[in-house]
Amino acid sequence: MASLDRKSSIENEPRTLNIQQFQLAREAALYVMSTRSMEEALGIFTKGLEPVVNCVRENEATMMDYDYEDLEISHNQLRDIESAPF
């Protein structure tokens, strides 16, 4: 009889940062903000991200499509990046 190779679902979750790693990430983000233009910094922080284009509601068969134009951020809508939890 073959054995089952089971993993806890928590093992599939991304690892969290410890306090030292969190502080290092914050310092790196502050360095980028102080040495790069707003456009370059935004590109660095968002590189590799992809917008969510559809969403399925639980117990419903409907799908919601989002327009890419609605997902774009204008410079007037930018938030305080330095205080964001990286």
N, C-alpha and C. Protein backbone atom coordinates (compact mmCIF):
# COMPACT_ATOMS: atom_id res chain seq x y z
N MET A 1 0.84 -1.18 0.00
CA MET A 1 0.00 0.00 0.00
C MET A 1 0.89 1.24 0.00
N ALA A 2 0.60 2.21 -0.89
CA ALA A 2 1.40 3.42 -1.01
C ALA A 2 1.03 4.40 0.10
N SER A 3 2.05 5.07 0.61
CA SER A 3 1.79 6.06 1.66
C SER A 3 1.41 7.40 1.02
N LEU A 4 0.59 8.15 1.72
CA LEU A 4 0.17 9.46 1.25
C LEU A 4 1.18 10.50 1.72
N ASP A 5 1.57 11.38 0.82
CA ASP A 5 2.47 12.46 1.16
C ASP A 5 1.63 13.71 1.38
N ARG A 6 1.34 14.00 2.63
CA ARG A 6 0.47 15.14 2.95
C ARG A 6 1.29 16.28 3.53
N LYS A 7 0.82 17.49 3.23
CA LYS A 7 1.43 18.69 3.79
C LYS A 7 0.32 19.53 4.42
N SER A 8 0.67 20.18 5.47
CA SER A 8 -0.26 21.11 6.08
C SER A 8 -0.45 22.29 5.13
N SER A 9 -1.65 22.83 5.08
CA SER A 9 -1.91 23.96 4.18
C SER A 9 -1.07 25.18 4.55
N ILE A 10 -0.65 25.29 5.79
CA ILE A 10 0.17 26.43 6.21
C ILE A 10 1.52 26.41 5.50
N GLU A 11 1.98 25.23 5.09
CA GLU A 11 3.25 25.13 4.40
C GLU A 11 3.20 25.73 3.00
N ASN A 12 2.01 25.90 2.46
CA ASN A 12 1.85 26.51 1.14
C ASN A 12 1.76 28.03 1.22
N GLU A 13 1.63 28.57 2.41
CA GLU A 13 1.53 30.02 2.59
C GLU A 13 2.91 30.65 2.50
N PRO A 14 2.98 31.91 2.02
CA PRO A 14 4.28 32.58 1.97
C PRO A 14 4.82 32.82 3.38
N ARG A 15 6.12 32.77 3.50
CA ARG A 15 6.76 33.02 4.80
C ARG A 15 6.64 34.50 5.15
N THR A 16 6.57 34.81 6.41
CA THR A 16 6.52 36.19 6.85
C THR A 16 7.91 36.65 7.25
N LEU A 17 8.11 37.96 7.25
CA LEU A 17 9.40 38.52 7.62
C LEU A 17 9.52 38.63 9.14
N ASN A 18 10.72 38.41 9.63
CA ASN A 18 10.95 38.69 11.05
C ASN A 18 11.21 40.18 11.19
N ILE A 19 11.33 40.69 12.39
CA ILE A 19 11.44 42.13 12.62
C ILE A 19 12.69 42.73 11.98
N GLN A 20 13.80 41.99 11.99
CA GLN A 20 15.03 42.51 11.36
C GLN A 20 14.87 42.59 9.84
N GLN A 21 14.27 41.58 9.24
CA GLN A 21 14.05 41.60 7.80
C GLN A 21 13.07 42.70 7.42
N PHE A 22 12.07 42.91 8.25
CA PHE A 22 11.09 43.96 8.00
C PHE A 22 11.77 45.34 8.04
N GLN A 23 12.61 45.56 9.04
CA GLN A 23 13.32 46.84 9.16
C GLN A 23 14.27 47.05 7.98
N LEU A 24 14.97 46.00 7.56
CA LEU A 24 15.88 46.10 6.42
C LEU A 24 15.10 46.44 5.14
N ALA A 25 13.94 45.83 4.96
CA ALA A 25 13.11 46.12 3.78
C ALA A 25 12.62 47.56 3.81
N ARG A 26 12.25 48.04 4.97
CA ARG A 26 11.81 49.43 5.10
C ARG A 26 12.94 50.40 4.78
N GLU A 27 14.14 50.11 5.30
CA GLU A 27 15.30 50.97 5.01
C GLU A 27 15.63 50.95 3.52
N ALA A 28 15.53 49.79 2.89
CA ALA A 28 15.79 49.70 1.45
C ALA A 28 14.76 50.51 0.67
N ALA A 29 13.51 50.45 1.09
CA ALA A 29 12.46 51.22 0.42
C ALA A 29 12.70 52.72 0.58
N LEU A 30 13.11 53.15 1.76
CA LEU A 30 13.42 54.56 1.97
C LEU A 30 14.60 55.00 1.11
N TYR A 31 15.59 54.11 0.96
CA TYR A 31 16.75 54.42 0.11
C TYR A 31 16.30 54.61 -1.34
N VAL A 32 15.46 53.72 -1.83
CA VAL A 32 14.96 53.83 -3.21
C VAL A 32 14.19 55.13 -3.37
N MET A 33 13.36 55.47 -2.40
CA MET A 33 12.56 56.69 -2.48
C MET A 33 13.42 57.94 -2.48
N SER A 34 14.56 57.90 -1.80
CA SER A 34 15.40 59.09 -1.71
C SER A 34 16.41 59.20 -2.85
N THR A 35 16.64 58.12 -3.59
CA THR A 35 17.65 58.15 -4.65
C THR A 35 17.08 58.01 -6.05
N ARG A 36 15.81 57.74 -6.18
CA ARG A 36 15.19 57.56 -7.49
C ARG A 36 14.04 58.53 -7.67
N SER A 37 13.66 58.74 -8.94
CA SER A 37 12.49 59.56 -9.22
C SER A 37 11.24 58.77 -8.80
N MET A 38 10.13 59.47 -8.71
CA MET A 38 8.87 58.83 -8.32
C MET A 38 8.51 57.72 -9.32
N GLU A 39 8.70 57.99 -10.61
CA GLU A 39 8.36 57.00 -11.63
C GLU A 39 9.25 55.76 -11.52
N GLU A 40 10.56 55.97 -11.31
CA GLU A 40 11.47 54.83 -11.17
C GLU A 40 11.15 54.01 -9.92
N ALA A 41 10.90 54.70 -8.82
CA ALA A 41 10.58 54.01 -7.56
C ALA A 41 9.30 53.20 -7.70
N LEU A 42 8.29 53.79 -8.31
CA LEU A 42 7.03 53.08 -8.51
C LEU A 42 7.24 51.84 -9.37
N GLY A 43 8.08 51.97 -10.39
CA GLY A 43 8.40 50.82 -11.24
C GLY A 43 9.10 49.72 -10.47
N ILE A 44 10.02 50.09 -9.59
CA ILE A 44 10.74 49.11 -8.77
C ILE A 44 9.79 48.39 -7.84
N PHE A 45 8.93 49.13 -7.16
CA PHE A 45 8.03 48.53 -6.17
C PHE A 45 6.92 47.69 -6.79
N THR A 46 6.58 47.97 -8.03
CA THR A 46 5.47 47.24 -8.65
C THR A 46 5.92 46.25 -9.73
N LYS A 47 7.22 46.10 -9.93
CA LYS A 47 7.74 45.19 -10.95
C LYS A 47 7.24 43.76 -10.68
N GLY A 48 6.69 43.15 -11.70
CA GLY A 48 6.22 41.77 -11.59
C GLY A 48 4.79 41.62 -11.12
N LEU A 49 4.17 42.70 -10.65
CA LEU A 49 2.77 42.61 -10.21
C LEU A 49 1.85 42.57 -11.42
N GLU A 50 0.79 41.83 -11.32
CA GLU A 50 -0.20 41.75 -12.38
C GLU A 50 -1.56 42.09 -11.80
N PRO A 51 -2.37 42.87 -12.54
CA PRO A 51 -3.70 43.21 -12.02
C PRO A 51 -4.62 42.00 -12.01
N VAL A 52 -5.55 42.01 -11.09
CA VAL A 52 -6.58 40.97 -11.05
C VAL A 52 -7.60 41.33 -12.11
N VAL A 53 -7.83 40.43 -13.06
CA VAL A 53 -8.74 40.74 -14.15
C VAL A 53 -10.13 40.17 -13.97
N ASN A 54 -10.28 39.17 -13.14
CA ASN A 54 -11.63 38.68 -12.87
C ASN A 54 -11.69 38.10 -11.47
N CYS A 55 -12.90 38.00 -11.01
CA CYS A 55 -13.12 37.55 -9.63
C CYS A 55 -14.35 36.65 -9.63
N VAL A 56 -14.28 35.57 -8.89
CA VAL A 56 -15.42 34.67 -8.77
C VAL A 56 -15.94 34.76 -7.34
N ARG A 57 -17.20 35.02 -7.22
CA ARG A 57 -17.81 35.06 -5.88
C ARG A 57 -18.16 33.66 -5.44
N GLU A 58 -17.98 33.41 -4.18
CA GLU A 58 -18.29 32.09 -3.65
C GLU A 58 -19.79 31.82 -3.78
N ASN A 59 -20.13 30.63 -4.21
CA ASN A 59 -21.52 30.17 -4.38
C ASN A 59 -22.27 30.91 -5.48
N GLU A 60 -21.55 31.60 -6.36
CA GLU A 60 -22.20 32.26 -7.49
C GLU A 60 -21.42 31.93 -8.76
N ALA A 61 -22.11 31.87 -9.85
CA ALA A 61 -21.46 31.54 -11.12
C ALA A 61 -21.11 32.79 -11.91
N THR A 62 -21.29 33.96 -11.33
CA THR A 62 -21.01 35.20 -12.06
C THR A 62 -19.54 35.55 -11.94
N MET A 63 -19.03 36.16 -12.98
CA MET A 63 -17.65 36.63 -12.98
C MET A 63 -17.68 38.13 -13.24
N MET A 64 -16.78 38.83 -12.59
CA MET A 64 -16.69 40.27 -12.76
C MET A 64 -15.42 40.58 -13.54
N ASP A 65 -15.53 41.28 -14.65
CA ASP A 65 -14.37 41.67 -15.43
C ASP A 65 -14.03 43.12 -15.10
N TYR A 66 -12.75 43.36 -14.90
CA TYR A 66 -12.29 44.69 -14.58
C TYR A 66 -11.61 45.30 -15.80
N ASP A 67 -11.76 46.57 -15.97
CA ASP A 67 -11.13 47.29 -17.06
C ASP A 67 -9.74 47.72 -16.62
N TYR A 68 -8.72 47.45 -17.43
CA TYR A 68 -7.35 47.80 -17.07
C TYR A 68 -7.19 49.30 -16.82
N GLU A 69 -7.95 50.12 -17.54
CA GLU A 69 -7.84 51.56 -17.36
C GLU A 69 -8.27 51.97 -15.96
N ASP A 70 -9.19 51.25 -15.37
CA ASP A 70 -9.64 51.56 -14.02
C ASP A 70 -8.57 51.23 -12.98
N LEU A 71 -7.63 50.35 -13.33
CA LEU A 71 -6.62 49.90 -12.38
C LEU A 71 -5.39 50.79 -12.36
N GLU A 72 -5.24 51.66 -13.35
CA GLU A 72 -4.06 52.51 -13.40
C GLU A 72 -4.13 53.56 -12.31
N ILE A 73 -2.96 53.86 -11.74
CA ILE A 73 -2.87 54.84 -10.66
C ILE A 73 -2.28 56.13 -11.22
N SER A 74 -2.96 57.22 -11.00
CA SER A 74 -2.39 58.50 -11.40
C SER A 74 -1.52 59.02 -10.27
N HIS A 75 -0.65 59.96 -10.58
CA HIS A 75 0.25 60.50 -9.56
C HIS A 75 -0.52 61.21 -8.44
N ASN A 76 -1.71 61.71 -8.74
CA ASN A 76 -2.51 62.38 -7.71
C ASN A 76 -3.08 61.39 -6.70
N GLN A 77 -3.14 60.11 -7.06
CA GLN A 77 -3.72 59.10 -6.19
C GLN A 77 -2.67 58.35 -5.39
N LEU A 78 -1.38 58.68 -5.57
CA LEU A 78 -0.33 57.95 -4.87
C LEU A 78 -0.43 58.18 -3.37
N ARG A 79 -0.17 57.15 -2.63
CA ARG A 79 -0.21 57.21 -1.18
C ARG A 79 1.21 57.38 -0.65
N ASP A 80 1.34 57.59 0.62
CA ASP A 80 2.64 57.72 1.26
C ASP A 80 3.34 56.37 1.22
N ILE A 81 4.25 56.20 0.27
CA ILE A 81 4.91 54.92 0.07
C ILE A 81 5.85 54.60 1.22
N GLU A 82 6.46 55.63 1.81
CA GLU A 82 7.44 55.39 2.88
C GLU A 82 6.82 54.73 4.09
N SER A 83 5.53 54.91 4.32
CA SER A 83 4.91 54.31 5.50
C SER A 83 4.21 52.99 5.17
N ALA A 84 4.28 52.58 3.90
CA ALA A 84 3.64 51.31 3.52
C ALA A 84 4.40 50.14 4.13
N PRO A 85 3.70 49.12 4.59
CA PRO A 85 4.37 47.97 5.21
C PRO A 85 4.96 47.04 4.16
N PHE A 86 6.26 47.13 3.93
CA PHE A 86 6.92 46.30 2.91
C PHE A 86 7.39 45.02 3.52
